[in-house]
Amino acid sequence: MEAEQESFRQPALLLLILLLQSAIISAIGWSGERQTIAPMDTSSYRYFVRVDGNCEENRNKAESVFGKAEFTVLDDLDEFAFVTEKMTEAAFKEKAAELDQACRASGKKGILQMIRAEL
């Protein structure tokens, strides 16, 4: 008899879980409608970029590639950082590769780190 009760409990428990999931999904406004996801290359952000080398020597390179930017000198380190204007991910990747190559050509490590910035 206990085995029969257990065989009834499992489907009932599964049904309860499905009903709870359905109630939660409808409560937060989800539906079965598929959402369109935009490609990352078309999304626009500002970017924080750390670059190896002296700011005085390399600022012109960064400005010639990225245009207007907000620069920060990192004291006691042979590197600097800047925040770009808002641009698409595709444009950023292209410009970052160009700056990295220009810095490496002058014997530096190039871009050390880059992240999206929400300011």
PDB file of N, CA and C in Angstrom:
ATOM      1  N   MET A   1       0.821  -1.186   0.000  1.00  0.00           N
ATOM      2  CA  MET A   1       0.000   0.000   0.000  1.00  0.00           C
ATOM      3  C   MET A   1       0.871   1.258   0.000  1.00  0.00           C
ATOM      4  N   GLU A   2       1.960   1.204   0.725  1.00  0.00           N
ATOM      5  CA  GLU A   2       2.851   2.348   0.777  1.00  0.00           C
ATOM      6  C   GLU A   2       3.462   2.613  -0.598  1.00  0.00           C
ATOM      7  N   ALA A   3       3.760   1.584  -1.350  1.00  0.00           N
ATOM      8  CA  ALA A   3       4.316   1.733  -2.695  1.00  0.00           C
ATOM      9  C   ALA A   3       3.297   2.405  -3.605  1.00  0.00           C
ATOM     10  N   GLU A   4       2.006   2.084  -3.438  1.00  0.00           N
ATOM     11  CA  GLU A   4       0.957   2.715  -4.247  1.00  0.00           C
ATOM     12  C   GLU A   4       0.862   4.206  -3.930  1.00  0.00           C
ATOM     13  N   GLN A   5       0.923   4.552  -2.655  1.00  0.00           N
ATOM     14  CA  GLN A   5       0.851   5.962  -2.262  1.00  0.00           C
ATOM     15  C   GLN A   5       2.040   6.739  -2.837  1.00  0.00           C
ATOM     16  N   GLU A   6       3.220   6.117  -2.809  1.00  0.00           N
ATOM     17  CA  GLU A   6       4.415   6.776  -3.348  1.00  0.00           C
ATOM     18  C   GLU A   6       4.270   6.993  -4.850  1.00  0.00           C
ATOM     19  N   SER A   7       3.690   6.044  -5.573  1.00  0.00           N
ATOM     20  CA  SER A   7       3.531   6.190  -7.017  1.00  0.00           C
ATOM     21  C   SER A   7       2.532   7.298  -7.354  1.00  0.00           C
ATOM     22  N   PHE A   8       1.609   7.624  -6.453  1.00  0.00           N
ATOM     23  CA  PHE A   8       0.676   8.727  -6.675  1.00  0.00           C
ATOM     24  C   PHE A   8       1.302  10.072  -6.283  1.00  0.00           C
ATOM     25  N   ARG A   9       2.205  10.067  -5.330  1.00  0.00           N
ATOM     26  CA  ARG A   9       2.818  11.303  -4.851  1.00  0.00           C
ATOM     27  C   ARG A   9       3.726  11.939  -5.895  1.00  0.00           C
ATOM     28  N   GLN A  10       4.494  11.129  -6.596  1.00  0.00           N
ATOM     29  CA  GLN A  10       5.453  11.668  -7.563  1.00  0.00           C
ATOM     30  C   GLN A  10       4.775  12.458  -8.686  1.00  0.00           C
ATOM     31  N   PRO A  11       3.758  11.908  -9.353  1.00  0.00           N
ATOM     32  CA  PRO A  11       3.092  12.714 -10.396  1.00  0.00           C
ATOM     33  C   PRO A  11       2.396  13.947  -9.813  1.00  0.00           C
ATOM     34  N   ALA A  12       1.826  13.829  -8.612  1.00  0.00           N
ATOM     35  CA  ALA A  12       1.156  14.970  -7.992  1.00  0.00           C
ATOM     36  C   ALA A  12       2.174  16.062  -7.671  1.00  0.00           C
ATOM     37  N   LEU A  13       3.344  15.676  -7.189  1.00  0.00           N
ATOM     38  CA  LEU A  13       4.401  16.633  -6.890  1.00  0.00           C
ATOM     39  C   LEU A  13       4.884  17.313  -8.173  1.00  0.00           C
ATOM     40  N   LEU A  14       5.052  16.554  -9.233  1.00  0.00           N
ATOM     41  CA  LEU A  14       5.469  17.106 -10.518  1.00  0.00           C
ATOM     42  C   LEU A  14       4.422  18.097 -11.037  1.00  0.00           C
ATOM     43  N   LEU A  15       3.154  17.750 -10.933  1.00  0.00           N
ATOM     44  CA  LEU A  15       2.085  18.645 -11.359  1.00  0.00           C
ATOM     45  C   LEU A  15       2.101  19.940 -10.545  1.00  0.00           C
ATOM     46  N   LEU A  16       2.318  19.836  -9.237  1.00  0.00           N
ATOM     47  CA  LEU A  16       2.383  21.010  -8.376  1.00  0.00           C
ATOM     48  C   LEU A  16       3.550  21.920  -8.782  1.00  0.00           C
ATOM     49  N   ILE A  17       4.694  21.335  -9.066  1.00  0.00           N
ATOM     50  CA  ILE A  17       5.865  22.104  -9.497  1.00  0.00           C
ATOM     51  C   ILE A  17       5.571  22.825 -10.812  1.00  0.00           C
ATOM     52  N   LEU A  18       4.950  22.142 -11.761  1.00  0.00           N
ATOM     53  CA  LEU A  18       4.622  22.760 -13.043  1.00  0.00           C
ATOM     54  C   LEU A  18       3.631  23.908 -12.883  1.00  0.00           C
ATOM     55  N   LEU A  19       2.645  23.739 -12.014  1.00  0.00           N
ATOM     56  CA  LEU A  19       1.674  24.799 -11.763  1.00  0.00           C
ATOM     57  C   LEU A  19       2.336  26.010 -11.117  1.00  0.00           C
ATOM     58  N   LEU A  20       3.238  25.780 -10.165  1.00  0.00           N
ATOM     59  CA  LEU A  20       3.954  26.882  -9.519  1.00  0.00           C
ATOM     60  C   LEU A  20       4.842  27.628 -10.522  1.00  0.00           C
ATOM     61  N   GLN A  21       5.527  26.888 -11.382  1.00  0.00           N
ATOM     62  CA  GLN A  21       6.361  27.520 -12.403  1.00  0.00           C
ATOM     63  C   GLN A  21       5.510  28.384 -13.325  1.00  0.00           C
ATOM     64  N   SER A  22       4.373  27.866 -13.727  1.00  0.00           N
ATOM     65  CA  SER A  22       3.475  28.610 -14.605  1.00  0.00           C
ATOM     66  C   SER A  22       2.982  29.885 -13.935  1.00  0.00           C
ATOM     67  N   ALA A  23       2.638  29.806 -12.653  1.00  0.00           N
ATOM     68  CA  ALA A  23       2.162  30.981 -11.925  1.00  0.00           C
ATOM     69  C   ALA A  23       3.270  32.027 -11.787  1.00  0.00           C
ATOM     70  N   ILE A  24       4.487  31.580 -11.524  1.00  0.00           N
ATOM     71  CA  ILE A  24       5.613  32.504 -11.381  1.00  0.00           C
ATOM     72  C   ILE A  24       5.905  33.189 -12.716  1.00  0.00           C
ATOM     73  N   ILE A  25       5.921  32.419 -13.789  1.00  0.00           N
ATOM     74  CA  ILE A  25       6.218  32.972 -15.114  1.00  0.00           C
ATOM     75  C   ILE A  25       5.178  34.013 -15.506  1.00  0.00           C
ATOM     76  N   SER A  26       3.902  33.728 -15.280  1.00  0.00           N
ATOM     77  CA  SER A  26       2.875  34.707 -15.651  1.00  0.00           C
ATOM     78  C   SER A  26       2.911  35.920 -14.722  1.00  0.00           C
ATOM     79  N   ALA A  27       3.322  35.742 -13.472  1.00  0.00           N
ATOM     80  CA  ALA A  27       3.381  36.862 -12.526  1.00  0.00           C
ATOM     81  C   ALA A  27       4.472  37.861 -12.898  1.00  0.00           C
ATOM     82  N   ILE A  28       5.561  37.388 -13.511  1.00  0.00           N
ATOM     83  CA  ILE A  28       6.630  38.317 -13.879  1.00  0.00           C
ATOM     84  C   ILE A  28       6.515  38.791 -15.325  1.00  0.00           C
ATOM     85  N   GLY A  29       5.459  38.382 -15.991  1.00  0.00           N
ATOM     86  CA  GLY A  29       5.194  38.916 -17.325  1.00  0.00           C
ATOM     87  C   GLY A  29       5.863  38.188 -18.472  1.00  0.00           C
ATOM     88  N   TRP A  30       6.397  37.015 -18.263  1.00  0.00           N
ATOM     89  CA  TRP A  30       6.984  36.259 -19.352  1.00  0.00           C
ATOM     90  C   TRP A  30       5.877  35.640 -20.178  1.00  0.00           C
ATOM     91  N   SER A  31       6.179  35.429 -21.444  1.00  0.00           N
ATOM     92  CA  SER A  31       5.222  34.746 -22.306  1.00  0.00           C
ATOM     93  C   SER A  31       5.999  33.785 -23.197  1.00  0.00           C
ATOM     94  N   GLY A  32       5.284  33.104 -24.036  1.00  0.00           N
ATOM     95  CA  GLY A  32       5.919  32.172 -24.958  1.00  0.00           C
ATOM     96  C   GLY A  32       6.503  32.868 -26.177  1.00  0.00           C
ATOM     97  N   GLU A  33       6.314  34.187 -26.284  1.00  0.00           N
ATOM     98  CA  GLU A  33       6.805  34.941 -27.426  1.00  0.00           C
ATOM     99  C   GLU A  33       8.331  34.986 -27.418  1.00  0.00           C
ATOM    100  N   ARG A  34       8.935  34.650 -28.559  1.00  0.00           N
ATOM    101  CA  ARG A  34      10.397  34.680 -28.667  1.00  0.00           C
ATOM    102  C   ARG A  34      10.865  36.120 -28.829  1.00  0.00           C
ATOM    103  N   GLN A  35      11.922  36.463 -28.127  1.00  0.00           N
ATOM    104  CA  GLN A  35      12.476  37.805 -28.166  1.00  0.00           C
ATOM    105  C   GLN A  35      13.629  37.871 -29.153  1.00  0.00           C
ATOM    106  N   THR A  36      13.774  38.996 -29.798  1.00  0.00           N
ATOM    107  CA  THR A  36      14.879  39.209 -30.715  1.00  0.00           C
ATOM    108  C   THR A  36      16.086  39.702 -29.919  1.00  0.00           C
ATOM    109  N   ILE A  37      17.234  39.113 -30.195  1.00  0.00           N
ATOM    110  CA  ILE A  37      18.467  39.518 -29.526  1.00  0.00           C
ATOM    111  C   ILE A  37      19.332  40.249 -30.543  1.00  0.00           C
ATOM    112  N   ALA A  38      19.730  41.454 -30.198  1.00  0.00           N
ATOM    113  CA  ALA A  38      20.561  42.256 -31.101  1.00  0.00           C
ATOM    114  C   ALA A  38      22.000  41.747 -31.071  1.00  0.00           C
ATOM    115  N   PRO A  39      22.671  41.756 -32.208  1.00  0.00           N
ATOM    116  CA  PRO A  39      24.087  41.362 -32.225  1.00  0.00           C
ATOM    117  C   PRO A  39      24.923  42.327 -31.378  1.00  0.00           C
ATOM    118  N   MET A  40      25.911  41.823 -30.673  1.00  0.00           N
ATOM    119  CA  MET A  40      26.751  42.659 -29.808  1.00  0.00           C
ATOM    120  C   MET A  40      27.451  43.769 -30.589  1.00  0.00           C
ATOM    121  N   ASP A  41      27.820  43.503 -31.822  1.00  0.00           N
ATOM    122  CA  ASP A  41      28.550  44.509 -32.598  1.00  0.00           C
ATOM    123  C   ASP A  41      27.738  45.767 -32.857  1.00  0.00           C
ATOM    124  N   THR A  42      26.408  45.691 -32.707  1.00  0.00           N
ATOM    125  CA  THR A  42      25.572  46.869 -32.949  1.00  0.00           C
ATOM    126  C   THR A  42      25.230  47.611 -31.657  1.00  0.00           C
ATOM    127  N   SER A  43      25.570  47.037 -30.504  1.00  0.00           N
ATOM    128  CA  SER A  43      25.304  47.680 -29.216  1.00  0.00           C
ATOM    129  C   SER A  43      26.329  48.778 -28.969  1.00  0.00           C
ATOM    130  N   SER A  44      25.895  49.894 -28.378  1.00  0.00           N
ATOM    131  CA  SER A  44      26.793  51.026 -28.131  1.00  0.00           C
ATOM    132  C   SER A  44      27.082  51.200 -26.649  1.00  0.00           C
ATOM    133  N   TYR A  45      28.339  51.437 -26.342  1.00  0.00           N
ATOM    134  CA  TYR A  45      28.807  51.636 -24.971  1.00  0.00           C
ATOM    135  C   TYR A  45      29.956  52.627 -24.976  1.00  0.00           C
ATOM    136  N   ARG A  46      30.354  53.037 -23.777  1.00  0.00           N
ATOM    137  CA  ARG A  46      31.632  53.699 -23.573  1.00  0.00           C
ATOM    138  C   ARG A  46      32.562  52.610 -23.044  1.00  0.00           C
ATOM    139  N   TYR A  47      33.866  52.781 -23.220  1.00  0.00           N
ATOM    140  CA  TYR A  47      34.822  51.757 -22.820  1.00  0.00           C
ATOM    141  C   TYR A  47      35.936  52.363 -21.977  1.00  0.00           C
ATOM    142  N   PHE A  48      36.343  51.622 -20.949  1.00  0.00           N
ATOM    143  CA  PHE A  48      37.492  51.976 -20.119  1.00  0.00           C
ATOM    144  C   PHE A  48      38.662  51.145 -20.631  1.00  0.00           C
ATOM    145  N   VAL A  49      39.758  51.817 -21.000  1.00  0.00           N
ATOM    146  CA  VAL A  49      40.898  51.140 -21.625  1.00  0.00           C
ATOM    147  C   VAL A  49      42.170  51.468 -20.854  1.00  0.00           C
ATOM    148  N   ARG A  50      42.910  50.431 -20.417  1.00  0.00           N
ATOM    149  CA  ARG A  50      44.230  50.606 -19.782  1.00  0.00           C
ATOM    150  C   ARG A  50      45.291  50.284 -20.822  1.00  0.00           C
ATOM    151  N   VAL A  51      46.295  51.166 -20.911  1.00  0.00           N
ATOM    152  CA  VAL A  51      47.321  51.025 -21.943  1.00  0.00           C
ATOM    153  C   VAL A  51      48.701  51.108 -21.305  1.00  0.00           C
ATOM    154  N   ASP A  52      49.593  50.239 -21.754  1.00  0.00           N
ATOM    155  CA  ASP A  52      50.975  50.250 -21.290  1.00  0.00           C
ATOM    156  C   ASP A  52      51.695  51.451 -21.896  1.00  0.00           C
ATOM    157  N   GLY A  53      52.499  52.134 -21.083  1.00  0.00           N
ATOM    158  CA  GLY A  53      53.296  53.248 -21.578  1.00  0.00           C
ATOM    159  C   GLY A  53      52.930  54.563 -20.924  1.00  0.00           C
ATOM    160  N   ASN A  54      53.767  55.528 -21.134  1.00  0.00           N
ATOM    161  CA  ASN A  54      53.611  56.854 -20.573  1.00  0.00           C
ATOM    162  C   ASN A  54      52.487  57.606 -21.289  1.00  0.00           C
ATOM    163  N   CYS A  55      51.630  58.256 -20.521  1.00  0.00           N
ATOM    164  CA  CYS A  55      50.497  58.987 -21.092  1.00  0.00           C
ATOM    165  C   CYS A  55      50.964  60.108 -22.012  1.00  0.00           C
ATOM    166  N   GLU A  56      51.999  60.824 -21.594  1.00  0.00           N
ATOM    167  CA  GLU A  56      52.493  61.952 -22.399  1.00  0.00           C
ATOM    168  C   GLU A  56      52.920  61.485 -23.791  1.00  0.00           C
ATOM    169  N   GLU A  57      53.562  60.327 -23.858  1.00  0.00           N
ATOM    170  CA  GLU A  57      54.066  59.809 -25.129  1.00  0.00           C
ATOM    171  C   GLU A  57      52.975  59.179 -25.988  1.00  0.00           C
ATOM    172  N   ASN A  58      51.965  58.582 -25.357  1.00  0.00           N
ATOM    173  CA  ASN A  58      50.981  57.793 -26.099  1.00  0.00           C
ATOM    174  C   ASN A  58      49.587  58.407 -26.204  1.00  0.00           C
ATOM    175  N   ARG A  59      49.379  59.515 -25.543  1.00  0.00           N
ATOM    176  CA  ARG A  59      48.056  60.157 -25.575  1.00  0.00           C
ATOM    177  C   ARG A  59      47.643  60.507 -27.007  1.00  0.00           C
ATOM    178  N   ASN A  60      48.588  61.039 -27.783  1.00  0.00           N
ATOM    179  CA  ASN A  60      48.277  61.415 -29.168  1.00  0.00           C
ATOM    180  C   ASN A  60      47.829  60.209 -29.994  1.00  0.00           C
ATOM    181  N   LYS A  61      48.473  59.064 -29.761  1.00  0.00           N
ATOM    182  CA  LYS A  61      48.081  57.849 -30.484  1.00  0.00           C
ATOM    183  C   LYS A  61      46.630  57.490 -30.150  1.00  0.00           C
ATOM    184  N   ALA A  62      46.311  57.512 -28.858  1.00  0.00           N
ATOM    185  CA  ALA A  62      44.954  57.159 -28.423  1.00  0.00           C
ATOM    186  C   ALA A  62      43.928  58.146 -28.968  1.00  0.00           C
ATOM    187  N   GLU A  63      44.246  59.433 -28.915  1.00  0.00           N
ATOM    188  CA  GLU A  63      43.312  60.444 -29.416  1.00  0.00           C
ATOM    189  C   GLU A  63      43.150  60.366 -30.930  1.00  0.00           C
ATOM    190  N   SER A  64      44.223  60.039 -31.641  1.00  0.00           N
ATOM    191  CA  SER A  64      44.104  59.948 -33.098  1.00  0.00           C
ATOM    192  C   SER A  64      43.238  58.759 -33.515  1.00  0.00           C
ATOM    193  N   VAL A  65      43.247  57.704 -32.705  1.00  0.00           N
ATOM    194  CA  VAL A  65      42.438  56.524 -33.023  1.00  0.00           C
ATOM    195  C   VAL A  65      41.007  56.667 -32.491  1.00  0.00           C
ATOM    196  N   PHE A  66      40.859  57.054 -31.227  1.00  0.00           N
ATOM    197  CA  PHE A  66      39.550  57.071 -30.579  1.00  0.00           C
ATOM    198  C   PHE A  66      38.860  58.434 -30.580  1.00  0.00           C
ATOM    199  N   GLY A  67      39.599  59.486 -30.903  1.00  0.00           N
ATOM    200  CA  GLY A  67      39.007  60.821 -30.832  1.00  0.00           C
ATOM    201  C   GLY A  67      38.980  61.299 -29.392  1.00  0.00           C
ATOM    202  N   LYS A  68      37.978  62.098 -29.067  1.00  0.00           N
ATOM    203  CA  LYS A  68      37.875  62.665 -27.721  1.00  0.00           C
ATOM    204  C   LYS A  68      37.731  61.545 -26.683  1.00  0.00           C
ATOM    205  N   ALA A  69      38.507  61.654 -25.606  1.00  0.00           N
ATOM    206  CA  ALA A  69      38.458  60.665 -24.527  1.00  0.00           C
ATOM    207  C   ALA A  69      38.826  61.343 -23.211  1.00  0.00           C
ATOM    208  N   GLU A  70      38.444  60.729 -22.115  1.00  0.00           N
ATOM    209  CA  GLU A  70      38.803  61.224 -20.780  1.00  0.00           C
ATOM    210  C   GLU A  70      39.990  60.408 -20.284  1.00  0.00           C
ATOM    211  N   PHE A  71      41.131  61.060 -20.076  1.00  0.00           N
ATOM    212  CA  PHE A  71      42.367  60.361 -19.713  1.00  0.00           C
ATOM    213  C   PHE A  71      42.624  60.398 -18.214  1.00  0.00           C
ATOM    214  N   THR A  72      43.274  59.343 -17.727  1.00  0.00           N
ATOM    215  CA  THR A  72      43.686  59.238 -16.332  1.00  0.00           C
ATOM    216  C   THR A  72      45.117  58.714 -16.306  1.00  0.00           C
ATOM    217  N   VAL A  73      45.969  59.411 -15.583  1.00  0.00           N
ATOM    218  CA  VAL A  73      47.349  58.951 -15.412  1.00  0.00           C
ATOM    219  C   VAL A  73      47.396  58.113 -14.152  1.00  0.00           C
ATOM    220  N   LEU A  74      47.992  56.939 -14.241  1.00  0.00           N
ATOM    221  CA  LEU A  74      48.102  56.042 -13.098  1.00  0.00           C
ATOM    222  C   LEU A  74      49.484  56.240 -12.475  1.00  0.00           C
ATOM    223  N   ASP A  75      49.512  56.948 -11.360  1.00  0.00           N
ATOM    224  CA  ASP A  75      50.773  57.301 -10.699  1.00  0.00           C
ATOM    225  C   ASP A  75      51.613  56.070 -10.383  1.00  0.00           C
ATOM    226  N   ASP A  76      52.915  56.245 -10.494  1.00  0.00           N
ATOM    227  CA  ASP A  76      53.911  55.215 -10.175  1.00  0.00           C
ATOM    228  C   ASP A  76      53.805  53.977 -11.064  1.00  0.00           C
ATOM    229  N   LEU A  77      53.083  54.068 -12.146  1.00  0.00           N
ATOM    230  CA  LEU A  77      53.002  52.955 -13.089  1.00  0.00           C
ATOM    231  C   LEU A  77      53.319  53.474 -14.483  1.00  0.00           C
ATOM    232  N   ASP A  78      53.889  52.634 -15.290  1.00  0.00           N
ATOM    233  CA  ASP A  78      54.164  53.026 -16.669  1.00  0.00           C
ATOM    234  C   ASP A  78      52.958  52.642 -17.528  1.00  0.00           C
ATOM    235  N   GLU A  79      51.816  53.244 -17.195  1.00  0.00           N
ATOM    236  CA  GLU A  79      50.591  53.004 -17.951  1.00  0.00           C
ATOM    237  C   GLU A  79      49.620  54.152 -17.714  1.00  0.00           C
ATOM    238  N   PHE A  80      48.619  54.214 -18.545  1.00  0.00           N
ATOM    239  CA  PHE A  80      47.574  55.215 -18.399  1.00  0.00           C
ATOM    240  C   PHE A  80      46.249  54.582 -18.810  1.00  0.00           C
ATOM    241  N   ALA A  81      45.170  55.295 -18.568  1.00  0.00           N
ATOM    242  CA  ALA A  81      43.849  54.779 -18.903  1.00  0.00           C
ATOM    243  C   ALA A  81      43.002  55.905 -19.479  1.00  0.00           C
ATOM    244  N   PHE A  82      41.982  55.522 -20.221  1.00  0.00           N
ATOM    245  CA  PHE A  82      41.042  56.512 -20.731  1.00  0.00           C
ATOM    246  C   PHE A  82      39.677  55.881 -20.917  1.00  0.00           C
ATOM    247  N   VAL A  83      38.672  56.748 -20.954  1.00  0.00           N
ATOM    248  CA  VAL A  83      37.295  56.320 -21.213  1.00  0.00           C
ATOM    249  C   VAL A  83      36.897  56.925 -22.547  1.00  0.00           C
ATOM    250  N   THR A  84      36.398  56.097 -23.439  1.00  0.00           N
ATOM    251  CA  THR A  84      36.032  56.543 -24.778  1.00  0.00           C
ATOM    252  C   THR A  84      34.663  57.226 -24.778  1.00  0.00           C
ATOM    253  N   GLU A  85      34.351  57.838 -25.891  1.00  0.00           N
ATOM    254  CA  GLU A  85      32.991  58.292 -26.147  1.00  0.00           C
ATOM    255  C   GLU A  85      32.156  57.053 -26.467  1.00  0.00           C
ATOM    256  N   LYS A  86      30.856  57.188 -26.501  1.00  0.00           N
ATOM    257  CA  LYS A  86      29.977  56.060 -26.810  1.00  0.00           C
ATOM    258  C   LYS A  86      30.178  55.645 -28.266  1.00  0.00           C
ATOM    259  N   MET A  87      30.331  54.336 -28.490  1.00  0.00           N
ATOM    260  CA  MET A  87      30.513  53.798 -29.838  1.00  0.00           C
ATOM    261  C   MET A  87      30.040  52.355 -29.878  1.00  0.00           C
ATOM    262  N   THR A  88      29.856  51.842 -31.084  1.00  0.00           N
ATOM    263  CA  THR A  88      29.416  50.447 -31.202  1.00  0.00           C
ATOM    264  C   THR A  88      30.570  49.517 -30.844  1.00  0.00           C
ATOM    265  N   GLU A  89      30.209  48.312 -30.473  1.00  0.00           N
ATOM    266  CA  GLU A  89      31.218  47.300 -30.137  1.00  0.00           C
ATOM    267  C   GLU A  89      32.119  47.024 -31.341  1.00  0.00           C
ATOM    268  N   ALA A  90      31.548  46.984 -32.539  1.00  0.00           N
ATOM    269  CA  ALA A  90      32.341  46.724 -33.749  1.00  0.00           C
ATOM    270  C   ALA A  90      33.370  47.830 -33.970  1.00  0.00           C
ATOM    271  N   ALA A  91      32.943  49.094 -33.826  1.00  0.00           N
ATOM    272  CA  ALA A  91      33.876  50.214 -34.001  1.00  0.00           C
ATOM    273  C   ALA A  91      34.958  50.172 -32.933  1.00  0.00           C
ATOM    274  N   PHE A  92      34.576  49.839 -31.695  1.00  0.00           N
ATOM    275  CA  PHE A  92      35.562  49.768 -30.617  1.00  0.00           C
ATOM    276  C   PHE A  92      36.612  48.701 -30.895  1.00  0.00           C
ATOM    277  N   LYS A  93      36.182  47.515 -31.304  1.00  0.00           N
ATOM    278  CA  LYS A  93      37.127  46.430 -31.581  1.00  0.00           C
ATOM    279  C   LYS A  93      38.141  46.848 -32.648  1.00  0.00           C
ATOM    280  N   GLU A  94      37.646  47.500 -33.680  1.00  0.00           N
ATOM    281  CA  GLU A  94      38.509  47.944 -34.774  1.00  0.00           C
ATOM    282  C   GLU A  94      39.531  48.978 -34.280  1.00  0.00           C
ATOM    283  N   LYS A  95      39.058  49.954 -33.525  1.00  0.00           N
ATOM    284  CA  LYS A  95      39.942  51.008 -33.015  1.00  0.00           C
ATOM    285  C   LYS A  95      40.920  50.470 -31.971  1.00  0.00           C
ATOM    286  N   ALA A  96      40.449  49.550 -31.128  1.00  0.00           N
ATOM    287  CA  ALA A  96      41.326  48.965 -30.113  1.00  0.00           C
ATOM    288  C   ALA A  96      42.471  48.198 -30.772  1.00  0.00           C
ATOM    289  N   ALA A  97      42.162  47.461 -31.829  1.00  0.00           N
ATOM    290  CA  ALA A  97      43.211  46.713 -32.540  1.00  0.00           C
ATOM    291  C   ALA A  97      44.235  47.672 -33.147  1.00  0.00           C
ATOM    292  N   GLU A  98      43.751  48.791 -33.689  1.00  0.00           N
ATOM    293  CA  GLU A  98      44.643  49.788 -34.280  1.00  0.00           C
ATOM    294  C   GLU A  98      45.555  50.414 -33.224  1.00  0.00           C
ATOM    295  N   LEU A  99      44.994  50.799 -32.071  1.00  0.00           N
ATOM    296  CA  LEU A  99      45.805  51.388 -30.998  1.00  0.00           C
ATOM    297  C   LEU A  99      46.792  50.368 -30.445  1.00  0.00           C
ATOM    298  N   ASP A 100      46.344  49.148 -30.243  1.00  0.00           N
ATOM    299  CA  ASP A 100      47.211  48.100 -29.710  1.00  0.00           C
ATOM    300  C   ASP A 100      48.413  47.886 -30.632  1.00  0.00           C
ATOM    301  N   GLN A 101      48.162  47.845 -31.917  1.00  0.00           N
ATOM    302  CA  GLN A 101      49.236  47.655 -32.891  1.00  0.00           C
ATOM    303  C   GLN A 101      50.211  48.839 -32.866  1.00  0.00           C
ATOM    304  N   ALA A 102      49.698  50.059 -32.771  1.00  0.00           N
ATOM    305  CA  ALA A 102      50.557  51.249 -32.736  1.00  0.00           C
ATOM    306  C   ALA A 102      51.428  51.248 -31.481  1.00  0.00           C
ATOM    307  N   CYS A 103      50.867  50.858 -30.340  1.00  0.00           N
ATOM    308  CA  CYS A 103      51.646  50.810 -29.092  1.00  0.00           C
ATOM    309  C   CYS A 103      52.701  49.713 -29.139  1.00  0.00           C
ATOM    310  N   ARG A 104      52.363  48.564 -29.676  1.00  0.00           N
ATOM    311  CA  ARG A 104      53.324  47.456 -29.769  1.00  0.00           C
ATOM    312  C   ARG A 104      54.469  47.807 -30.714  1.00  0.00           C
ATOM    313  N   ALA A 105      54.177  48.586 -31.743  1.00  0.00           N
ATOM    314  CA  ALA A 105      55.219  49.001 -32.693  1.00  0.00           C
ATOM    315  C   ALA A 105      56.276  49.872 -32.012  1.00  0.00           C
ATOM    316  N   SER A 106      55.865  50.557 -30.918  1.00  0.00           N
ATOM    317  CA  SER A 106      56.837  51.386 -30.196  1.00  0.00           C
ATOM    318  C   SER A 106      57.446  50.649 -29.004  1.00  0.00           C
ATOM    319  N   GLY A 107      57.299  49.323 -28.969  1.00  0.00           N
ATOM    320  CA  GLY A 107      57.965  48.516 -27.955  1.00  0.00           C
ATOM    321  C   GLY A 107      57.206  48.340 -26.649  1.00  0.00           C
ATOM    322  N   LYS A 108      55.952  48.716 -26.591  1.00  0.00           N
ATOM    323  CA  LYS A 108      55.137  48.560 -25.373  1.00  0.00           C
ATOM    324  C   LYS A 108      54.235  47.336 -25.508  1.00  0.00           C
ATOM    325  N   LYS A 109      53.580  46.964 -24.404  1.00  0.00           N
ATOM    326  CA  LYS A 109      52.693  45.803 -24.387  1.00  0.00           C
ATOM    327  C   LYS A 109      51.348  46.082 -25.064  1.00  0.00           C
ATOM    328  N   GLY A 110      51.039  47.348 -25.279  1.00  0.00           N
ATOM    329  CA  GLY A 110      49.775  47.702 -25.915  1.00  0.00           C
ATOM    330  C   GLY A 110      48.658  47.818 -24.894  1.00  0.00           C
ATOM    331  N   ILE A 111      47.462  47.428 -25.297  1.00  0.00           N
ATOM    332  CA  ILE A 111      46.304  47.519 -24.414  1.00  0.00           C
ATOM    333  C   ILE A 111      46.397  46.411 -23.365  1.00  0.00           C
ATOM    334  N   LEU A 112      46.295  46.804 -22.102  1.00  0.00           N
ATOM    335  CA  LEU A 112      46.381  45.847 -20.993  1.00  0.00           C
ATOM    336  C   LEU A 112      45.011  45.319 -20.585  1.00  0.00           C
ATOM    337  N   GLN A 113      44.003  46.179 -20.664  1.00  0.00           N
ATOM    338  CA  GLN A 113      42.662  45.775 -20.231  1.00  0.00           C
ATOM    339  C   GLN A 113      41.643  46.718 -20.856  1.00  0.00           C
ATOM    340  N   MET A 114      40.477  46.182 -21.165  1.00  0.00           N
ATOM    341  CA  MET A 114      39.389  47.015 -21.666  1.00  0.00           C
ATOM    342  C   MET A 114      38.071  46.424 -21.202  1.00  0.00           C
ATOM    343  N   ILE A 115      37.200  47.305 -20.715  1.00  0.00           N
ATOM    344  CA  ILE A 115      35.889  46.866 -20.246  1.00  0.00           C
ATOM    345  C   ILE A 115      34.840  47.902 -20.672  1.00  0.00           C
ATOM    346  N   ARG A 116      33.593  47.446 -20.767  1.00  0.00           N
ATOM    347  CA  ARG A 116      32.492  48.379 -21.036  1.00  0.00           C
ATOM    348  C   ARG A 116      32.264  49.213 -19.789  1.00  0.00           C
ATOM    349  N   ALA A 117      31.944  50.481 -19.984  1.00  0.00           N
ATOM    350  CA  ALA A 117      31.721  51.377 -18.851  1.00  0.00           C
ATOM    351  C   ALA A 117      30.352  52.026 -18.971  1.00  0.00           C
ATOM    352  N   GLU A 118      29.558  51.939 -17.920  1.00  0.00           N
ATOM    353  CA  GLU A 118      28.263  52.615 -17.862  1.00  0.00           C
ATOM    354  C   GLU A 118      28.437  53.796 -16.927  1.00  0.00           C
ATOM    355  N   LEU A 119      28.592  54.985 -17.475  1.00  0.00           N
ATOM    356  CA  LEU A 119      28.827  56.183 -16.660  1.00  0.00           C
ATOM    357  C   LEU A 119      27.658  57.121 -16.761  1.00  0.00           C
TER     358      LEU A 119
END
